[in-house]
PDB file of all heavy atoms in Angstrom:
ATOM      1  N   SER A   1      -0.944 -19.297   4.041  1.00  0.00           N
ATOM      2  CA  SER A   1      -2.021 -19.264   3.148  1.00  0.00           C
ATOM      3  C   SER A   1      -1.518 -19.545   1.722  1.00  0.00           C
ATOM      4  O   SER A   1      -2.145 -20.215   0.885  1.00  0.00           O
ATOM      5  CB  SER A   1      -2.696 -17.895   3.193  1.00  0.00           C
ATOM      6  OG  SER A   1      -3.742 -17.864   2.239  1.00  0.00           O
ATOM      7  N   ILE A   2      -0.459 -18.997   1.291  1.00  0.00           N
ATOM      8  CA  ILE A   2      -0.083 -19.068  -0.140  1.00  0.00           C
ATOM      9  C   ILE A   2       0.631 -20.447  -0.450  1.00  0.00           C
ATOM     10  O   ILE A   2       0.587 -20.915  -1.561  1.00  0.00           O
ATOM     11  CB  ILE A   2       0.933 -17.984  -0.513  1.00  0.00           C
ATOM     12  CG1 ILE A   2       0.201 -16.605  -0.338  1.00  0.00           C
ATOM     13  CG2 ILE A   2       1.487 -18.066  -1.817  1.00  0.00           C
ATOM     14  CD1 ILE A   2       0.910 -15.290  -0.502  1.00  0.00           C
ATOM     15  N   ASP A   3       1.204 -21.067   0.485  1.00  0.00           N
ATOM     16  CA  ASP A   3       1.872 -22.384   0.374  1.00  0.00           C
ATOM     17  C   ASP A   3       3.238 -22.171  -0.244  1.00  0.00           C
ATOM     18  O   ASP A   3       3.668 -23.034  -1.010  1.00  0.00           O
ATOM     19  CB  ASP A   3       1.005 -23.427  -0.449  1.00  0.00           C
ATOM     20  CG  ASP A   3       1.543 -24.850  -0.169  1.00  0.00           C
ATOM     21  OD1 ASP A   3       2.119 -25.119   0.908  1.00  0.00           O
ATOM     22  OD2 ASP A   3       1.319 -25.612  -1.068  1.00  0.00           O
ATOM     23  N   ARG A   4       3.905 -21.028   0.085  1.00  0.00           N
ATOM     24  CA  ARG A   4       5.313 -20.678  -0.331  1.00  0.00           C
ATOM     25  C   ARG A   4       6.126 -20.859   0.937  1.00  0.00           C
ATOM     26  O   ARG A   4       5.952 -19.944   1.841  1.00  0.00           O
ATOM     27  CB  ARG A   4       5.512 -19.505  -1.190  1.00  0.00           C
ATOM     28  CG  ARG A   4       6.859 -19.187  -1.434  1.00  0.00           C
ATOM     29  CD  ARG A   4       6.980 -17.849  -2.292  1.00  0.00           C
ATOM     30  NE  ARG A   4       6.507 -16.649  -1.489  1.00  0.00           N
ATOM     31  CZ  ARG A   4       7.152 -15.945  -0.623  1.00  0.00           C
ATOM     32  NH1 ARG A   4       8.433 -16.337  -0.384  1.00  0.00           N
ATOM     33  NH2 ARG A   4       6.681 -14.851  -0.068  1.00  0.00           N
ATOM     34  N   HIS A   5       7.119 -21.624   0.937  1.00  0.00           N
ATOM     35  CA  HIS A   5       7.891 -21.828   2.173  1.00  0.00           C
ATOM     36  C   HIS A   5       9.309 -21.539   2.101  1.00  0.00           C
ATOM     37  O   HIS A   5      10.209 -21.631   3.005  1.00  0.00           O
ATOM     38  CB  HIS A   5       7.592 -23.241   2.691  1.00  0.00           C
ATOM     39  CG  HIS A   5       6.271 -23.616   2.992  1.00  0.00           C
ATOM     40  ND1 HIS A   5       5.668 -23.352   4.196  1.00  0.00           N
ATOM     41  CD2 HIS A   5       5.386 -24.260   2.250  1.00  0.00           C
ATOM     42  CE1 HIS A   5       4.510 -23.767   4.173  1.00  0.00           C
ATOM     43  NE2 HIS A   5       4.182 -24.295   3.069  1.00  0.00           N
ATOM     44  N   ASP A   6       9.733 -20.975   0.884  1.00  0.00           N
ATOM     45  CA  ASP A   6      11.034 -20.502   0.634  1.00  0.00           C
ATOM     46  C   ASP A   6      11.169 -19.114   0.432  1.00  0.00           C
ATOM     47  O   ASP A   6      10.175 -18.328   0.117  1.00  0.00           O
ATOM     48  CB  ASP A   6      11.652 -21.166  -0.545  1.00  0.00           C
ATOM     49  CG  ASP A   6      11.799 -22.708  -0.501  1.00  0.00           C
ATOM     50  OD1 ASP A   6      12.003 -23.138   0.708  1.00  0.00           O
ATOM     51  OD2 ASP A   6      11.597 -23.413  -1.370  1.00  0.00           O
ATOM     52  N   GLY A   7      12.414 -18.543   0.695  1.00  0.00           N
ATOM     53  CA  GLY A   7      12.571 -16.983   0.520  1.00  0.00           C
ATOM     54  C   GLY A   7      13.827 -16.732  -0.288  1.00  0.00           C
ATOM     55  O   GLY A   7      14.161 -15.613  -0.470  1.00  0.00           O
ATOM     56  N   MET A   8      14.416 -17.863  -0.798  1.00  0.00           N
ATOM     57  CA  MET A   8      15.757 -17.624  -1.689  1.00  0.00           C
ATOM     58  C   MET A   8      15.773 -18.865  -2.581  1.00  0.00           C
ATOM     59  O   MET A   8      15.386 -19.977  -2.234  1.00  0.00           O
ATOM     60  CB  MET A   8      16.896 -17.490  -0.802  1.00  0.00           C
ATOM     61  CG  MET A   8      17.266 -18.630   0.192  1.00  0.00           C
ATOM     62  SD  MET A   8      18.580 -18.203   1.257  1.00  0.00           S
ATOM     63  CE  MET A   8      18.444 -19.298   2.627  1.00  0.00           C
ATOM     64  N   TRP A   9      16.442 -18.564  -3.728  1.00  0.00           N
ATOM     65  CA  TRP A   9      16.466 -19.601  -4.842  1.00  0.00           C
ATOM     66  C   TRP A   9      17.882 -19.334  -5.502  1.00  0.00           C
ATOM     67  O   TRP A   9      18.141 -18.275  -6.093  1.00  0.00           O
ATOM     68  CB  TRP A   9      15.344 -19.416  -5.818  1.00  0.00           C
ATOM     69  CG  TRP A   9      13.999 -19.622  -5.158  1.00  0.00           C
ATOM     70  CD1 TRP A   9      13.242 -20.609  -5.091  1.00  0.00           C
ATOM     71  CD2 TRP A   9      13.212 -18.453  -4.527  1.00  0.00           C
ATOM     72  NE1 TRP A   9      12.057 -20.400  -4.436  1.00  0.00           N
ATOM     73  CE2 TRP A   9      12.029 -19.038  -3.992  1.00  0.00           C
ATOM     74  CE3 TRP A   9      13.454 -17.087  -4.330  1.00  0.00           C
ATOM     75  CZ2 TRP A   9      10.985 -18.282  -3.399  1.00  0.00           C
ATOM     76  CZ3 TRP A   9      12.577 -16.402  -3.669  1.00  0.00           C
ATOM     77  CH2 TRP A   9      11.414 -16.947  -3.149  1.00  0.00           C
ATOM     78  N   TRP A  10      18.677 -20.351  -5.460  1.00  0.00           N
ATOM     79  CA  TRP A  10      20.074 -20.428  -6.159  1.00  0.00           C
ATOM     80  C   TRP A  10      19.889 -20.410  -7.684  1.00  0.00           C
ATOM     81  O   TRP A  10      19.078 -21.085  -8.263  1.00  0.00           O
ATOM     82  CB  TRP A  10      20.818 -21.550  -5.748  1.00  0.00           C
ATOM     83  CG  TRP A  10      21.588 -21.479  -4.415  1.00  0.00           C
ATOM     84  CD1 TRP A  10      21.137 -22.088  -3.277  1.00  0.00           C
ATOM     85  CD2 TRP A  10      22.733 -20.752  -4.162  1.00  0.00           C
ATOM     86  NE1 TRP A  10      22.103 -21.794  -2.295  1.00  0.00           N
ATOM     87  CE2 TRP A  10      23.042 -20.973  -2.784  1.00  0.00           C
ATOM     88  CE3 TRP A  10      23.582 -19.807  -4.929  1.00  0.00           C
ATOM     89  CZ2 TRP A  10      24.136 -20.420  -2.241  1.00  0.00           C
ATOM     90  CZ3 TRP A  10      24.658 -19.303  -4.304  1.00  0.00           C
ATOM     91  CH2 TRP A  10      24.913 -19.494  -3.024  1.00  0.00           C
ATOM     92  N   SER A  11      20.935 -19.645  -8.353  1.00  0.00           N
ATOM     93  CA  SER A  11      21.008 -19.790  -9.685  1.00  0.00           C
ATOM     94  C   SER A  11      21.551 -21.188 -10.026  1.00  0.00           C
ATOM     95  O   SER A  11      22.325 -21.682  -9.101  1.00  0.00           O
ATOM     96  CB  SER A  11      21.891 -18.696 -10.222  1.00  0.00           C
ATOM     97  OG  SER A  11      23.290 -18.816  -9.783  1.00  0.00           O
ATOM     98  N   PRO A  12      21.436 -21.669 -11.228  1.00  0.00           N
ATOM     99  CA  PRO A  12      22.050 -23.090 -11.417  1.00  0.00           C
ATOM    100  C   PRO A  12      23.588 -23.004 -11.187  1.00  0.00           C
ATOM    101  O   PRO A  12      24.114 -24.077 -10.967  1.00  0.00           O
ATOM    102  CB  PRO A  12      21.688 -23.310 -12.986  1.00  0.00           C
ATOM    103  CG  PRO A  12      20.390 -22.665 -13.133  1.00  0.00           C
ATOM    104  CD  PRO A  12      20.501 -21.340 -12.328  1.00  0.00           C
ATOM    105  N   GLY A  13      24.213 -22.006 -11.621  1.00  0.00           N
ATOM    106  CA  GLY A  13      25.667 -22.065 -11.409  1.00  0.00           C
ATOM    107  C   GLY A  13      26.157 -21.749 -10.053  1.00  0.00           C
ATOM    108  O   GLY A  13      27.418 -21.778  -9.664  1.00  0.00           O
ATOM    109  N   GLY A  14      25.220 -21.294  -9.210  1.00  0.00           N
ATOM    110  CA  GLY A  14      25.578 -21.116  -7.739  1.00  0.00           C
ATOM    111  C   GLY A  14      26.265 -19.792  -7.564  1.00  0.00           C
ATOM    112  O   GLY A  14      27.000 -19.569  -6.459  1.00  0.00           O
ATOM    113  N   ARG A  15      26.261 -18.801  -8.548  1.00  0.00           N
ATOM    114  CA  ARG A  15      26.988 -17.542  -8.369  1.00  0.00           C
ATOM    115  C   ARG A  15      26.057 -16.499  -7.844  1.00  0.00           C
ATOM    116  O   ARG A  15      26.601 -15.353  -7.465  1.00  0.00           O
ATOM    117  CB  ARG A  15      27.534 -17.165  -9.707  1.00  0.00           C
ATOM    118  CG  ARG A  15      28.479 -18.180 -10.301  1.00  0.00           C
ATOM    119  CD  ARG A  15      29.722 -18.440  -9.405  1.00  0.00           C
ATOM    120  NE  ARG A  15      30.446 -17.317  -9.161  1.00  0.00           N
ATOM    121  CZ  ARG A  15      31.527 -17.173  -8.359  1.00  0.00           C
ATOM    122  NH1 ARG A  15      31.913 -18.391  -7.730  1.00  0.00           N
ATOM    123  NH2 ARG A  15      32.213 -16.089  -8.187  1.00  0.00           N
ATOM    124  N   ARG A  16      24.737 -16.787  -7.992  1.00  0.00           N
ATOM    125  CA  ARG A  16      23.734 -15.619  -7.582  1.00  0.00           C
ATOM    126  C   ARG A  16      22.498 -16.246  -6.979  1.00  0.00           C
ATOM    127  O   ARG A  16      22.219 -17.485  -7.127  1.00  0.00           O
ATOM    128  CB  ARG A  16      23.379 -14.736  -8.747  1.00  0.00           C
ATOM    129  CG  ARG A  16      24.494 -13.910  -9.264  1.00  0.00           C
ATOM    130  CD  ARG A  16      23.999 -12.919 -10.420  1.00  0.00           C
ATOM    131  NE  ARG A  16      23.830 -13.709 -11.714  1.00  0.00           N
ATOM    132  CZ  ARG A  16      23.614 -12.950 -12.737  1.00  0.00           C
ATOM    133  NH1 ARG A  16      23.552 -11.646 -12.780  1.00  0.00           N
ATOM    134  NH2 ARG A  16      23.467 -13.591 -13.937  1.00  0.00           N
ATOM    135  N   LEU A  17      21.799 -15.377  -6.220  1.00  0.00           N
ATOM    136  CA  LEU A  17      20.574 -15.784  -5.551  1.00  0.00           C
ATOM    137  C   LEU A  17      19.443 -14.869  -5.899  1.00  0.00           C
ATOM    138  O   LEU A  17      19.599 -13.695  -5.912  1.00  0.00           O
ATOM    139  CB  LEU A  17      20.803 -15.810  -4.033  1.00  0.00           C
ATOM    140  CG  LEU A  17      21.576 -16.995  -3.352  1.00  0.00           C
ATOM    141  CD1 LEU A  17      22.142 -16.533  -2.093  1.00  0.00           C
ATOM    142  CD2 LEU A  17      20.587 -18.118  -3.145  1.00  0.00           C
ATOM    143  N   LEU A  18      18.281 -15.456  -6.042  1.00  0.00           N
ATOM    144  CA  LEU A  18      17.009 -14.684  -6.056  1.00  0.00           C
ATOM    145  C   LEU A  18      16.527 -14.718  -4.659  1.00  0.00           C
ATOM    146  O   LEU A  18      16.359 -15.794  -4.125  1.00  0.00           O
ATOM    147  CB  LEU A  18      16.038 -15.351  -7.085  1.00  0.00           C
ATOM    148  CG  LEU A  18      14.671 -14.501  -7.200  1.00  0.00           C
ATOM    149  CD1 LEU A  18      14.816 -13.148  -7.837  1.00  0.00           C
ATOM    150  CD2 LEU A  18      13.751 -15.462  -8.050  1.00  0.00           C
ATOM    151  N   ALA A  19      16.451 -13.625  -4.080  1.00  0.00           N
ATOM    152  CA  ALA A  19      16.107 -13.478  -2.631  1.00  0.00           C
ATOM    153  C   ALA A  19      14.990 -12.509  -2.368  1.00  0.00           C
ATOM    154  O   ALA A  19      14.950 -11.350  -2.983  1.00  0.00           O
ATOM    155  CB  ALA A  19      17.277 -13.121  -1.837  1.00  0.00           C
ATOM    156  N   ALA A  20      14.097 -12.878  -1.349  1.00  0.00           N
ATOM    157  CA  ALA A  20      13.106 -12.113  -0.937  1.00  0.00           C
ATOM    158  C   ALA A  20      13.609 -11.110   0.225  1.00  0.00           C
ATOM    159  O   ALA A  20      14.122 -11.629   1.157  1.00  0.00           O
ATOM    160  CB  ALA A  20      11.945 -12.809  -0.503  1.00  0.00           C
ATOM    161  N   ARG A  21      13.287  -9.873   0.100  1.00  0.00           N
ATOM    162  CA  ARG A  21      13.462  -9.081   1.201  1.00  0.00           C
ATOM    163  C   ARG A  21      12.061  -8.675   1.801  1.00  0.00           C
ATOM    164  O   ARG A  21      11.137  -8.242   1.153  1.00  0.00           O
ATOM    165  CB  ARG A  21      14.019  -7.605   0.762  1.00  0.00           C
ATOM    166  CG  ARG A  21      14.164  -6.668   1.854  1.00  0.00           C
ATOM    167  CD  ARG A  21      14.531  -5.083   1.345  1.00  0.00           C
ATOM    168  NE  ARG A  21      14.617  -4.224   2.321  1.00  0.00           N
ATOM    169  CZ  ARG A  21      13.532  -3.506   2.655  1.00  0.00           C
ATOM    170  NH1 ARG A  21      12.368  -3.710   2.274  1.00  0.00           N
ATOM    171  NH2 ARG A  21      13.770  -2.523   3.709  1.00  0.00           N
ATOM    172  N   VAL A  22      11.880  -8.969   3.108  1.00  0.00           N
ATOM    173  CA  VAL A  22      10.697  -8.909   3.728  1.00  0.00           C
ATOM    174  C   VAL A  22      10.728  -7.834   4.827  1.00  0.00           C
ATOM    175  O   VAL A  22      11.535  -8.040   5.826  1.00  0.00           O
ATOM    176  CB  VAL A  22      10.076 -10.264   4.452  1.00  0.00           C
ATOM    177  CG1 VAL A  22       8.913 -10.004   5.248  1.00  0.00           C
ATOM    178  CG2 VAL A  22       9.935 -11.172   3.268  1.00  0.00           C
ATOM    179  N   ASP A  23       9.905  -6.799   4.886  1.00  0.00           N
ATOM    180  CA  ASP A  23       9.883  -5.745   5.893  1.00  0.00           C
ATOM    181  C   ASP A  23       8.424  -5.789   6.599  1.00  0.00           C
ATOM    182  O   ASP A  23       7.404  -5.533   5.942  1.00  0.00           O
ATOM    183  CB  ASP A  23      10.084  -4.412   5.226  1.00  0.00           C
ATOM    184  CG  ASP A  23      10.168  -3.290   6.379  1.00  0.00           C
ATOM    185  OD1 ASP A  23       9.976  -3.653   7.562  1.00  0.00           O
ATOM    186  OD2 ASP A  23      10.342  -2.086   5.965  1.00  0.00           O
ATOM    187  N   THR A  24       8.492  -6.301   7.855  1.00  0.00           N
ATOM    188  CA  THR A  24       7.169  -6.384   8.669  1.00  0.00           C
ATOM    189  C   THR A  24       6.743  -5.091   9.305  1.00  0.00           C
ATOM    190  O   THR A  24       5.869  -5.082  10.142  1.00  0.00           O
ATOM    191  CB  THR A  24       7.147  -7.516   9.519  1.00  0.00           C
ATOM    192  OG1 THR A  24       8.251  -7.469  10.499  1.00  0.00           O
ATOM    193  CG2 THR A  24       7.322  -8.892   8.608  1.00  0.00           C
ATOM    194  N   ALA A  25       7.519  -4.048   9.170  1.00  0.00           N
ATOM    195  CA  ALA A  25       7.304  -2.788   9.961  1.00  0.00           C
ATOM    196  C   ALA A  25       5.801  -2.349   9.657  1.00  0.00           C
ATOM    197  O   ALA A  25       5.246  -1.858  10.689  1.00  0.00           O
ATOM    198  CB  ALA A  25       8.297  -1.733   9.537  1.00  0.00           C
ATOM    199  N   PRO A  26       5.204  -2.406   8.478  1.00  0.00           N
ATOM    200  CA  PRO A  26       3.853  -2.017   8.402  1.00  0.00           C
ATOM    201  C   PRO A  26       2.867  -2.870   8.990  1.00  0.00           C
ATOM    202  O   PRO A  26       1.603  -2.489   9.128  1.00  0.00           O
ATOM    203  CB  PRO A  26       3.600  -1.943   6.850  1.00  0.00           C
ATOM    204  CG  PRO A  26       4.966  -2.115   6.270  1.00  0.00           C
ATOM    205  CD  PRO A  26       5.895  -2.922   7.232  1.00  0.00           C
ATOM    206  N   VAL A  27       3.253  -4.025   9.403  1.00  0.00           N
ATOM    207  CA  VAL A  27       2.200  -5.009   9.927  1.00  0.00           C
ATOM    208  C   VAL A  27       1.920  -4.927  11.431  1.00  0.00           C
ATOM    209  O   VAL A  27       2.992  -4.817  12.173  1.00  0.00           O
ATOM    210  CB  VAL A  27       2.673  -6.521   9.548  1.00  0.00           C
ATOM    211  CG1 VAL A  27       1.646  -7.536  10.003  1.00  0.00           C
ATOM    212  CG2 VAL A  27       3.110  -6.612   8.119  1.00  0.00           C
ATOM    213  N   GLN A  28       0.665  -4.906  11.805  1.00  0.00           N
ATOM    214  CA  GLN A  28       0.444  -4.914  13.282  1.00  0.00           C
ATOM    215  C   GLN A  28       0.993  -6.109  14.062  1.00  0.00           C
ATOM    216  O   GLN A  28       1.110  -7.154  13.357  1.00  0.00           O
ATOM    217  CB  GLN A  28      -1.119  -4.739  13.561  1.00  0.00           C
ATOM    218  CG  GLN A  28      -1.862  -6.005  13.035  1.00  0.00           C
ATOM    219  CD  GLN A  28      -3.350  -5.755  13.320  1.00  0.00           C
ATOM    220  OE1 GLN A  28      -3.737  -4.696  13.893  1.00  0.00           O
ATOM    221  NE2 GLN A  28      -4.049  -6.716  12.726  1.00  0.00           N
ATOM    222  N   ARG A  29       1.387  -5.916  15.226  1.00  0.00           N
ATOM    223  CA  ARG A  29       2.019  -7.112  15.954  1.00  0.00           C
ATOM    224  C   ARG A  29       0.974  -7.680  16.948  1.00  0.00           C
ATOM    225  O   ARG A  29       0.228  -6.800  17.617  1.00  0.00           O
ATOM    226  CB  ARG A  29       3.282  -6.691  16.616  1.00  0.00           C
ATOM    227  CG  ARG A  29       4.341  -6.118  15.728  1.00  0.00           C
ATOM    228  CD  ARG A  29       5.592  -6.164  16.452  1.00  0.00           C
ATOM    229  NE  ARG A  29       6.301  -7.339  16.689  1.00  0.00           N
ATOM    230  CZ  ARG A  29       7.033  -8.152  15.742  1.00  0.00           C
ATOM    231  NH1 ARG A  29       7.196  -7.551  14.536  1.00  0.00           N
ATOM    232  NH2 ARG A  29       7.414  -9.248  16.179  1.00  0.00           N
ATOM    233  N   TRP A  30       0.806  -8.898  16.990  1.00  0.00           N
ATOM    234  CA  TRP A  30       0.013  -9.656  17.961  1.00  0.00           C
ATOM    235  C   TRP A  30       0.744 -10.341  18.976  1.00  0.00           C
ATOM    236  O   TRP A  30       2.035 -10.645  18.673  1.00  0.00           O
ATOM    237  CB  TRP A  30      -0.967 -10.481  17.167  1.00  0.00           C
ATOM    238  CG  TRP A  30      -2.022  -9.694  16.546  1.00  0.00           C
ATOM    239  CD1 TRP A  30      -2.255  -8.417  16.260  1.00  0.00           C
ATOM    240  CD2 TRP A  30      -3.333 -10.294  16.020  1.00  0.00           C
ATOM    241  NE1 TRP A  30      -3.420  -8.068  15.679  1.00  0.00           N
ATOM    242  CE2 TRP A  30      -4.234  -9.283  15.509  1.00  0.00           C
ATOM    243  CE3 TRP A  30      -3.901 -11.597  15.890  1.00  0.00           C
ATOM    244  CZ2 TRP A  30      -5.380  -9.346  14.824  1.00  0.00           C
ATOM    245  CZ3 TRP A  30      -5.033 -11.778  15.237  1.00  0.00           C
ATOM    246  CH2 TRP A  30      -5.897 -10.745  14.685  1.00  0.00           C
ATOM    247  N   HIS A  31       0.191 -10.917  19.945  1.00  0.00           N
ATOM    248  CA  HIS A  31       1.000 -11.288  21.103  1.00  0.00           C
ATOM    249  C   HIS A  31       0.221 -12.788  21.508  1.00  0.00           C
ATOM    250  O   HIS A  31      -0.833 -12.828  21.639  1.00  0.00           O
ATOM    251  CB  HIS A  31       1.092 -10.351  22.305  1.00  0.00           C
ATOM    252  CG  HIS A  31       1.635  -8.955  21.973  1.00  0.00           C
ATOM    253  ND1 HIS A  31       2.918  -8.748  21.932  1.00  0.00           N
ATOM    254  CD2 HIS A  31       0.986  -7.946  21.348  1.00  0.00           C
ATOM    255  CE1 HIS A  31       3.127  -7.529  21.561  1.00  0.00           C
ATOM    256  NE2 HIS A  31       1.990  -7.026  21.159  1.00  0.00           N
TER     257      HIS A  31
END
C-alpha cells in the first residue's frame, strides 16, 4: 500500500546502514 519496497539504506561512505527492524508478532496470521 505505501509503495516502499526497501528496508535498508547505505550511508554515502558505506560505513553505516539505516535499517528497518520489523516485528510481525502483533499481526494476525492468515493462510
